[in-house]
Amino acid sequence: MESLLRVKELAERLGVSQSKAYGLVAEGTIEHVAIDGAVRVEPHVVEQYISQQRTVGTPPERRRPRKKAENSR
């Protein structure tokens, strides 16, 4: 059995912030194990989540920041 991942390691594997990783765990999107208050995730759960997120086709357009109006201060 592989070692359980800490939230920091989960975030690194997903390429997201620790805050986002905690959010995914808190909302139940990523299954976790609580050990004496510490959140841990099994590596195969992360791989399964990544597989479920895969899409085929053109990636969605990224939002562009709004330009400030020239007259606003």
C-alpha atoms as a PDB file:
ATOM      1  CA  MET A   1       0.000   0.000   0.000  1.00  0.00           C
ATOM      2  CA  GLU A   2       1.264   3.444  -0.918  1.00  0.00           C
ATOM      3  CA  SER A   3       1.598   6.138   1.727  1.00  0.00           C
ATOM      4  CA  LEU A   4      -1.377   8.385   2.298  1.00  0.00           C
ATOM      5  CA  LEU A   5      -1.054  11.910   0.924  1.00  0.00           C
ATOM      6  CA  ARG A   6      -1.272  15.079   2.959  1.00  0.00           C
ATOM      7  CA  VAL A   7      -3.371  17.939   1.605  1.00  0.00           C
ATOM      8  CA  LYS A   8      -0.206  19.769   0.538  1.00  0.00           C
ATOM      9  CA  GLU A   9       0.810  16.756  -1.567  1.00  0.00           C
ATOM     10  CA  LEU A  10      -2.723  16.459  -2.959  1.00  0.00           C
ATOM     11  CA  ALA A  11      -2.587  20.105  -4.016  1.00  0.00           C
ATOM     12  CA  GLU A  12       0.803  19.589  -5.671  1.00  0.00           C
ATOM     13  CA  ARG A  13      -0.433  16.564  -7.643  1.00  0.00           C
ATOM     14  CA  LEU A  14      -3.501  18.463  -8.844  1.00  0.00           C
ATOM     15  CA  GLY A  15      -1.634  21.720  -9.501  1.00  0.00           C
ATOM     16  CA  VAL A  16      -3.995  23.717  -7.290  1.00  0.00           C
ATOM     17  CA  SER A  17      -3.672  25.686  -4.061  1.00  0.00           C
ATOM     18  CA  GLN A  18      -3.934  23.992  -0.684  1.00  0.00           C
ATOM     19  CA  SER A  19      -7.120  25.958  -0.098  1.00  0.00           C
ATOM     20  CA  LYS A  20      -8.685  24.504  -3.264  1.00  0.00           C
ATOM     21  CA  ALA A  21      -7.536  20.999  -2.256  1.00  0.00           C
ATOM     22  CA  TYR A  22      -9.149  21.386   1.182  1.00  0.00           C
ATOM     23  CA  GLY A  23     -12.316  22.593  -0.565  1.00  0.00           C
ATOM     24  CA  LEU A  24     -12.451  19.515  -2.792  1.00  0.00           C
ATOM     25  CA  VAL A  25     -12.113  17.314   0.290  1.00  0.00           C
ATOM     26  CA  ALA A  26     -14.632  19.317   2.350  1.00  0.00           C
ATOM     27  CA  GLU A  27     -17.314  19.212  -0.354  1.00  0.00           C
ATOM     28  CA  GLY A  28     -16.840  15.452  -0.724  1.00  0.00           C
ATOM     29  CA  THR A  29     -15.468  15.613  -4.253  1.00  0.00           C
ATOM     30  CA  ILE A  30     -12.311  13.814  -3.160  1.00  0.00           C
ATOM     31  CA  GLU A  31     -12.712  10.949  -0.708  1.00  0.00           C
ATOM     32  CA  HIS A  32     -10.440  11.211   2.311  1.00  0.00           C
ATOM     33  CA  VAL A  33      -9.455   9.572   5.571  1.00  0.00           C
ATOM     34  CA  ALA A  34      -9.444  11.535   8.826  1.00  0.00           C
ATOM     35  CA  ILE A  35      -6.792  10.334  11.259  1.00  0.00           C
ATOM     36  CA  ASP A  36      -6.961  12.090  14.608  1.00  0.00           C
ATOM     37  CA  GLY A  37      -8.110  15.261  12.840  1.00  0.00           C
ATOM     38  CA  ALA A  38      -5.526  15.055  10.054  1.00  0.00           C
ATOM     39  CA  VAL A  39      -6.826  14.788   6.490  1.00  0.00           C
ATOM     40  CA  ARG A  40      -5.189  12.146   4.301  1.00  0.00           C
ATOM     41  CA  VAL A  41      -5.974  10.945   0.778  1.00  0.00           C
ATOM     42  CA  GLU A  42      -5.135   7.617  -0.832  1.00  0.00           C
ATOM     43  CA  PRO A  43      -3.078   8.057  -4.036  1.00  0.00           C
ATOM     44  CA  HIS A  44      -5.465   5.932  -6.124  1.00  0.00           C
ATOM     45  CA  VAL A  45      -8.315   8.292  -5.181  1.00  0.00           C
ATOM     46  CA  VAL A  46      -6.369  11.200  -6.686  1.00  0.00           C
ATOM     47  CA  GLU A  47      -5.692   9.252  -9.887  1.00  0.00           C
ATOM     48  CA  GLN A  48      -9.375   8.313 -10.093  1.00  0.00           C
ATOM     49  CA  TYR A  49     -10.414  11.968  -9.642  1.00  0.00           C
ATOM     50  CA  ILE A  50      -8.010  13.084 -12.379  1.00  0.00           C
ATOM     51  CA  SER A  51      -9.367  10.412 -14.742  1.00  0.00           C
ATOM     52  CA  GLN A  52     -12.922  11.598 -14.114  1.00  0.00           C
ATOM     53  CA  GLN A  53     -11.943  15.173 -14.976  1.00  0.00           C
ATOM     54  CA  ARG A  54     -10.516  14.314 -18.390  1.00  0.00           C
ATOM     55  CA  THR A  55     -12.348  15.731 -21.373  1.00  0.00           C
ATOM     56  CA  VAL A  56     -11.972  15.343 -25.101  1.00  0.00           C
ATOM     57  CA  GLY A  57     -12.036  18.309 -27.421  1.00  0.00           C
ATOM     58  CA  THR A  58     -11.204  21.957 -27.176  1.00  0.00           C
ATOM     59  CA  PRO A  59     -10.427  23.304 -23.710  1.00  0.00           C
ATOM     60  CA  PRO A  60     -12.792  25.995 -22.426  1.00  0.00           C
ATOM     61  CA  GLU A  61     -11.763  29.595 -23.019  1.00  0.00           C
ATOM     62  CA  ARG A  62     -10.053  31.277 -20.124  1.00  0.00           C
ATOM     63  CA  ARG A  63     -11.611  34.364 -18.685  1.00  0.00           C
ATOM     64  CA  ARG A  64      -9.744  37.522 -19.453  1.00  0.00           C
ATOM     65  CA  PRO A  65      -9.547  40.301 -16.871  1.00  0.00           C
ATOM     66  CA  ARG A  66     -11.780  43.247 -17.595  1.00  0.00           C
ATOM     67  CA  LYS A  67     -10.056  46.335 -18.847  1.00  0.00           C
ATOM     68  CA  LYS A  68     -10.454  49.412 -16.691  1.00  0.00           C
ATOM     69  CA  ALA A  69     -12.486  52.199 -18.209  1.00  0.00           C
ATOM     70  CA  GLU A  70     -10.294  55.079 -19.306  1.00  0.00           C
ATOM     71  CA  ASN A  71     -12.368  57.640 -17.355  1.00  0.00           C
ATOM     72  CA  SER A  72     -12.480  55.754 -14.040  1.00  0.00           C
ATOM     73  CA  ARG A  73     -10.104  56.549 -11.212  1.00  0.00           C
END
